Amino acid sequence: MSYVKWDGIRHNVDSIYKATIIAAQRAVEIAEAMANQTIVSSQKPTTLAIREVEQGKLSYKLLK
């Protein structure tokens, strides 16, 4: 299991709940890409998604 420090995510996303939703949605996209063999990795989709959130590779837009 991967341990994630909130400090690593806080500068990219202002809420842990938003970060969780963003990472979960990205993990689904990664899992689908892995099934189609578009992405090849030994890491789990959730780990890859969390790392992308930490690195600031993902952006989000709030809907009203």
PDB file of N, CA and C in Angstrom:
ATOM      1  N   MET A   1       0.840  -1.173   0.000  1.00  0.00           N
ATOM      2  CA  MET A   1       0.000   0.000   0.000  1.00  0.00           C
ATOM      3  C   MET A   1       0.886   1.237   0.000  1.00  0.00           C
ATOM      4  N   SER A   2       0.478   2.206  -0.733  1.00  0.00           N
ATOM      5  CA  SER A   2       1.237   3.443  -0.874  1.00  0.00           C
ATOM      6  C   SER A   2       0.801   4.447   0.186  1.00  0.00           C
ATOM      7  N   TYR A   3       1.765   5.074   0.848  1.00  0.00           N
ATOM      8  CA  TYR A   3       1.466   6.108   1.836  1.00  0.00           C
ATOM      9  C   TYR A   3       1.604   7.468   1.172  1.00  0.00           C
ATOM     10  N   VAL A   4       0.617   8.303   1.365  1.00  0.00           N
ATOM     11  CA  VAL A   4       0.611   9.623   0.747  1.00  0.00           C
ATOM     12  C   VAL A   4       0.554  10.679   1.840  1.00  0.00           C
ATOM     13  N   LYS A   5       1.471  11.633   1.773  1.00  0.00           N
ATOM     14  CA  LYS A   5       1.460  12.734   2.730  1.00  0.00           C
ATOM     15  C   LYS A   5       0.576  13.851   2.193  1.00  0.00           C
ATOM     16  N   TRP A   6      -0.274  14.388   3.042  1.00  0.00           N
ATOM     17  CA  TRP A   6      -1.171  15.468   2.648  1.00  0.00           C
ATOM     18  C   TRP A   6      -0.388  16.692   2.212  1.00  0.00           C
ATOM     19  N   ASP A   7       0.770  16.930   2.809  1.00  0.00           N
ATOM     20  CA  ASP A   7       1.585  18.089   2.444  1.00  0.00           C
ATOM     21  C   ASP A   7       1.986  18.056   0.972  1.00  0.00           C
ATOM     22  N   GLY A   8       2.163  16.872   0.427  1.00  0.00           N
ATOM     23  CA  GLY A   8       2.542  16.746  -0.976  1.00  0.00           C
ATOM     24  C   GLY A   8       1.419  17.085  -1.934  1.00  0.00           C
ATOM     25  N   ILE A   9       0.185  16.978  -1.461  1.00  0.00           N
ATOM     26  CA  ILE A   9      -0.974  17.223  -2.314  1.00  0.00           C
ATOM     27  C   ILE A   9      -1.558  18.610  -2.077  1.00  0.00           C
ATOM     28  N   ARG A  10      -1.393  19.134  -0.882  1.00  0.00           N
ATOM     29  CA  ARG A  10      -2.057  20.375  -0.475  1.00  0.00           C
ATOM     30  C   ARG A  10      -1.780  21.556  -1.399  1.00  0.00           C
ATOM     31  N   HIS A  11      -0.589  21.653  -1.961  1.00  0.00           N
ATOM     32  CA  HIS A  11      -0.288  22.799  -2.822  1.00  0.00           C
ATOM     33  C   HIS A  11      -0.970  22.704  -4.191  1.00  0.00           C
ATOM     34  N   ASN A  12      -1.515  21.532  -4.534  1.00  0.00           N
ATOM     35  CA  ASN A  12      -2.205  21.353  -5.815  1.00  0.00           C
ATOM     36  C   ASN A  12      -3.729  21.331  -5.676  1.00  0.00           C
ATOM     37  N   VAL A  13      -4.220  20.789  -4.570  1.00  0.00           N
ATOM     38  CA  VAL A  13      -5.662  20.668  -4.337  1.00  0.00           C
ATOM     39  C   VAL A  13      -5.942  21.141  -2.917  1.00  0.00           C
ATOM     40  N   ASP A  14      -6.952  21.990  -2.751  1.00  0.00           N
ATOM     41  CA  ASP A  14      -7.191  22.601  -1.446  1.00  0.00           C
ATOM     42  C   ASP A  14      -7.988  21.741  -0.472  1.00  0.00           C
ATOM     43  N   SER A  15      -8.511  20.610  -0.910  1.00  0.00           N
ATOM     44  CA  SER A  15      -9.321  19.762  -0.046  1.00  0.00           C
ATOM     45  C   SER A  15      -8.952  18.300  -0.269  1.00  0.00           C
ATOM     46  N   ILE A  16      -8.832  17.556   0.817  1.00  0.00           N
ATOM     47  CA  ILE A  16      -8.505  16.133   0.707  1.00  0.00           C
ATOM     48  C   ILE A  16      -9.631  15.388  -0.014  1.00  0.00           C
ATOM     49  N   TYR A  17     -10.857  15.869   0.141  1.00  0.00           N
ATOM     50  CA  TYR A  17     -11.998  15.230  -0.514  1.00  0.00           C
ATOM     51  C   TYR A  17     -11.944  15.436  -2.030  1.00  0.00           C
ATOM     52  N   LYS A  18     -11.598  16.640  -2.445  1.00  0.00           N
ATOM     53  CA  LYS A  18     -11.433  16.907  -3.878  1.00  0.00           C
ATOM     54  C   LYS A  18     -10.301  16.057  -4.441  1.00  0.00           C
ATOM     55  N   ALA A  19      -9.211  15.969  -3.701  1.00  0.00           N
ATOM     56  CA  ALA A  19      -8.065  15.175  -4.154  1.00  0.00           C
ATOM     57  C   ALA A  19      -8.453  13.711  -4.318  1.00  0.00           C
ATOM     58  N   THR A  20      -9.270  13.203  -3.402  1.00  0.00           N
ATOM     59  CA  THR A  20      -9.715  11.811  -3.471  1.00  0.00           C
ATOM     60  C   THR A  20     -10.570  11.571  -4.709  1.00  0.00           C
ATOM     61  N   ILE A  21     -11.488  12.480  -4.982  1.00  0.00           N
ATOM     62  CA  ILE A  21     -12.364  12.334  -6.148  1.00  0.00           C
ATOM     63  C   ILE A  21     -11.564  12.443  -7.445  1.00  0.00           C
ATOM     64  N   ILE A  22     -10.656  13.399  -7.496  1.00  0.00           N
ATOM     65  CA  ILE A  22      -9.824  13.576  -8.692  1.00  0.00           C
ATOM     66  C   ILE A  22      -8.981  12.330  -8.947  1.00  0.00           C
ATOM     67  N   ALA A  23      -8.345  11.819  -7.898  1.00  0.00           N
ATOM     68  CA  ALA A  23      -7.497  10.632  -8.042  1.00  0.00           C
ATOM     69  C   ALA A  23      -8.328   9.407  -8.415  1.00  0.00           C
ATOM     70  N   ALA A  24      -9.518   9.277  -7.841  1.00  0.00           N
ATOM     71  CA  ALA A  24     -10.370   8.126  -8.155  1.00  0.00           C
ATOM     72  C   ALA A  24     -10.804   8.141  -9.617  1.00  0.00           C
ATOM     73  N   GLN A  25     -11.200   9.306 -10.102  1.00  0.00           N
ATOM     74  CA  GLN A  25     -11.613   9.406 -11.506  1.00  0.00           C
ATOM     75  C   GLN A  25     -10.442   9.134 -12.444  1.00  0.00           C
ATOM     76  N   ARG A  26      -9.276   9.626 -12.085  1.00  0.00           N
ATOM     77  CA  ARG A  26      -8.091   9.384 -12.919  1.00  0.00           C
ATOM     78  C   ARG A  26      -7.697   7.909 -12.869  1.00  0.00           C
ATOM     79  N   ALA A  27      -7.856   7.268 -11.713  1.00  0.00           N
ATOM     80  CA  ALA A  27      -7.526   5.848 -11.586  1.00  0.00           C
ATOM     81  C   ALA A  27      -8.405   4.999 -12.502  1.00  0.00           C
ATOM     82  N   VAL A  28      -9.663   5.371 -12.641  1.00  0.00           N
ATOM     83  CA  VAL A  28     -10.562   4.662 -13.566  1.00  0.00           C
ATOM     84  C   VAL A  28     -10.061   4.812 -14.999  1.00  0.00           C
ATOM     85  N   GLU A  29      -9.658   6.027 -15.372  1.00  0.00           N
ATOM     86  CA  GLU A  29      -9.122   6.256 -16.718  1.00  0.00           C
ATOM     87  C   GLU A  29      -7.861   5.422 -16.956  1.00  0.00           C
ATOM     88  N   ILE A  30      -6.987   5.379 -15.958  1.00  0.00           N
ATOM     89  CA  ILE A  30      -5.742   4.612 -16.083  1.00  0.00           C
ATOM     90  C   ILE A  30      -6.042   3.123 -16.187  1.00  0.00           C
ATOM     91  N   ALA A  31      -6.985   2.632 -15.384  1.00  0.00           N
ATOM     92  CA  ALA A  31      -7.344   1.212 -15.425  1.00  0.00           C
ATOM     93  C   ALA A  31      -7.882   0.820 -16.798  1.00  0.00           C
ATOM     94  N   GLU A  32      -8.700   1.685 -17.383  1.00  0.00           N
ATOM     95  CA  GLU A  32      -9.221   1.411 -18.727  1.00  0.00           C
ATOM     96  C   GLU A  32      -8.098   1.414 -19.758  1.00  0.00           C
ATOM     97  N   ALA A  33      -7.158   2.336 -19.615  1.00  0.00           N
ATOM     98  CA  ALA A  33      -6.021   2.387 -20.539  1.00  0.00           C
ATOM     99  C   ALA A  33      -5.132   1.159 -20.377  1.00  0.00           C
ATOM    100  N   MET A  34      -4.999   0.675 -19.142  1.00  0.00           N
ATOM    101  CA  MET A  34      -4.205  -0.538 -18.913  1.00  0.00           C
ATOM    102  C   MET A  34      -4.891  -1.754 -19.534  1.00  0.00           C
ATOM    103  N   ALA A  35      -6.217  -1.782 -19.474  1.00  0.00           N
ATOM    104  CA  ALA A  35      -6.959  -2.897 -20.066  1.00  0.00           C
ATOM    105  C   ALA A  35      -6.786  -2.919 -21.584  1.00  0.00           C
ATOM    106  N   ASN A  36      -6.699  -1.743 -22.177  1.00  0.00           N
ATOM    107  CA  ASN A  36      -6.483  -1.636 -23.627  1.00  0.00           C
ATOM    108  C   ASN A  36      -5.006  -1.670 -23.992  1.00  0.00           C
ATOM    109  N   GLN A  37      -4.164  -1.790 -22.992  1.00  0.00           N
ATOM    110  CA  GLN A  37      -2.705  -1.820 -23.122  1.00  0.00           C
ATOM    111  C   GLN A  37      -2.151  -0.537 -23.724  1.00  0.00           C
ATOM    112  N   THR A  38      -2.850   0.575 -23.489  1.00  0.00           N
ATOM    113  CA  THR A  38      -2.342   1.883 -23.886  1.00  0.00           C
ATOM    114  C   THR A  38      -1.278   2.342 -22.900  1.00  0.00           C
ATOM    115  N   ILE A  39      -1.484   2.006 -21.626  1.00  0.00           N
ATOM    116  CA  ILE A  39      -0.516   2.306 -20.565  1.00  0.00           C
ATOM    117  C   ILE A  39      -0.024   0.984 -20.003  1.00  0.00           C
ATOM    118  N   VAL A  40       1.285   0.848 -19.878  1.00  0.00           N
ATOM    119  CA  VAL A  40       1.876  -0.351 -19.299  1.00  0.00           C
ATOM    120  C   VAL A  40       2.668   0.070 -18.073  1.00  0.00           C
ATOM    121  N   SER A  41       2.312  -0.502 -16.917  1.00  0.00           N
ATOM    122  CA  SER A  41       2.997  -0.161 -15.680  1.00  0.00           C
ATOM    123  C   SER A  41       2.854  -1.311 -14.697  1.00  0.00           C
ATOM    124  N   SER A  42       3.838  -1.452 -13.824  1.00  0.00           N
ATOM    125  CA  SER A  42       3.761  -2.469 -12.783  1.00  0.00           C
ATOM    126  C   SER A  42       3.027  -1.941 -11.555  1.00  0.00           C
ATOM    127  N   GLN A  43       2.775  -0.633 -11.513  1.00  0.00           N
ATOM    128  CA  GLN A  43       2.069  -0.040 -10.379  1.00  0.00           C
ATOM    129  C   GLN A  43       0.561  -0.085 -10.616  1.00  0.00           C
ATOM    130  N   LYS A  44      -0.173  -0.033  -9.512  1.00  0.00           N
ATOM    131  CA  LYS A  44      -1.627  -0.040  -9.596  1.00  0.00           C
ATOM    132  C   LYS A  44      -2.133   1.313 -10.091  1.00  0.00           C
ATOM    133  N   PRO A  45      -3.300   1.312 -10.736  1.00  0.00           N
ATOM    134  CA  PRO A  45      -3.859   2.570 -11.244  1.00  0.00           C
ATOM    135  C   PRO A  45      -4.049   3.633 -10.164  1.00  0.00           C
ATOM    136  N   THR A  46      -4.455   3.221  -8.967  1.00  0.00           N
ATOM    137  CA  THR A  46      -4.653   4.204  -7.898  1.00  0.00           C
ATOM    138  C   THR A  46      -3.346   4.856  -7.491  1.00  0.00           C
ATOM    139  N   THR A  47      -2.283   4.080  -7.439  1.00  0.00           N
ATOM    140  CA  THR A  47      -0.975   4.634  -7.087  1.00  0.00           C
ATOM    141  C   THR A  47      -0.517   5.635  -8.137  1.00  0.00           C
ATOM    142  N   LEU A  48      -0.676   5.284  -9.395  1.00  0.00           N
ATOM    143  CA  LEU A  48      -0.301   6.203 -10.475  1.00  0.00           C
ATOM    144  C   LEU A  48      -1.114   7.494 -10.407  1.00  0.00           C
ATOM    145  N   ALA A  49      -2.415   7.377 -10.147  1.00  0.00           N
ATOM    146  CA  ALA A  49      -3.281   8.556 -10.080  1.00  0.00           C
ATOM    147  C   ALA A  49      -2.900   9.461  -8.914  1.00  0.00           C
ATOM    148  N   ILE A  50      -2.623   8.882  -7.763  1.00  0.00           N
ATOM    149  CA  ILE A  50      -2.232   9.679  -6.596  1.00  0.00           C
ATOM    150  C   ILE A  50      -0.919  10.396  -6.860  1.00  0.00           C
ATOM    151  N   ARG A  51       0.013   9.719  -7.481  1.00  0.00           N
ATOM    152  CA  ARG A  51       1.299  10.352  -7.805  1.00  0.00           C
ATOM    153  C   ARG A  51       1.104  11.514  -8.785  1.00  0.00           C
ATOM    154  N   GLU A  52       0.181  11.363  -9.732  1.00  0.00           N
ATOM    155  CA  GLU A  52      -0.093  12.451 -10.672  1.00  0.00           C
ATOM    156  C   GLU A  52      -0.690  13.663  -9.952  1.00  0.00           C
ATOM    157  N   VAL A  53      -1.543  13.423  -8.962  1.00  0.00           N
ATOM    158  CA  VAL A  53      -2.099  14.528  -8.174  1.00  0.00           C
ATOM    159  C   VAL A  53      -0.979  15.216  -7.398  1.00  0.00           C
ATOM    160  N   GLU A  54      -0.104  14.426  -6.790  1.00  0.00           N
ATOM    161  CA  GLU A  54       1.025  14.987  -6.031  1.00  0.00           C
ATOM    162  C   GLU A  54       1.928  15.848  -6.909  1.00  0.00           C
ATOM    163  N   GLN A  55       2.168  15.403  -8.119  1.00  0.00           N
ATOM    164  CA  GLN A  55       3.081  16.102  -9.018  1.00  0.00           C
ATOM    165  C   GLN A  55       2.419  17.271  -9.742  1.00  0.00           C
ATOM    166  N   GLY A  56       1.131  17.454  -9.532  1.00  0.00           N
ATOM    167  CA  GLY A  56       0.426  18.569 -10.163  1.00  0.00           C
ATOM    168  C   GLY A  56       0.134  18.353 -11.638  1.00  0.00           C
ATOM    169  N   LYS A  57       0.113  17.111 -12.078  1.00  0.00           N
ATOM    170  CA  LYS A  57      -0.133  16.813 -13.489  1.00  0.00           C
ATOM    171  C   LYS A  57      -1.614  16.862 -13.852  1.00  0.00           C
ATOM    172  N   LEU A  58      -2.485  16.878 -12.841  1.00  0.00           N
ATOM    173  CA  LEU A  58      -3.921  16.878 -13.093  1.00  0.00           C
ATOM    174  C   LEU A  58      -4.517  18.225 -12.724  1.00  0.00           C
ATOM    175  N   SER A  59      -5.475  18.644 -13.501  1.00  0.00           N
ATOM    176  CA  SER A  59      -6.207  19.866 -13.173  1.00  0.00           C
ATOM    177  C   SER A  59      -7.687  19.509 -13.063  1.00  0.00           C
ATOM    178  N   TYR A  60      -8.438  20.380 -12.433  1.00  0.00           N
ATOM    179  CA  TYR A  60      -9.860  20.122 -12.274  1.00  0.00           C
ATOM    180  C   TYR A  60     -10.637  21.418 -12.392  1.00  0.00           C
ATOM    181  N   LYS A  61     -11.908  21.266 -12.674  1.00  0.00           N
ATOM    182  CA  LYS A  61     -12.796  22.418 -12.813  1.00  0.00           C
ATOM    183  C   LYS A  61     -14.062  22.115 -12.021  1.00  0.00           C
ATOM    184  N   LEU A  62     -14.447  23.025 -11.144  1.00  0.00           N
ATOM    185  CA  LEU A  62     -15.658  22.838 -10.357  1.00  0.00           C
ATOM    186  C   LEU A  62     -16.877  23.209 -11.188  1.00  0.00           C
ATOM    187  N   LEU A  63     -17.874  22.347 -11.145  1.00  0.00           N
ATOM    188  CA  LEU A  63     -19.123  22.611 -11.844  1.00  0.00           C
ATOM    189  C   LEU A  63     -20.115  23.210 -10.857  1.00  0.00           C
ATOM    190  N   LYS A  64     -20.891  24.153 -11.314  1.00  0.00           N
ATOM    191  CA  LYS A  64     -21.869  24.789 -10.417  1.00  0.00           C
ATOM    192  C   LYS A  64     -23.255  24.322 -10.708  1.00  0.00           C
TER     193      LYS A  64
END
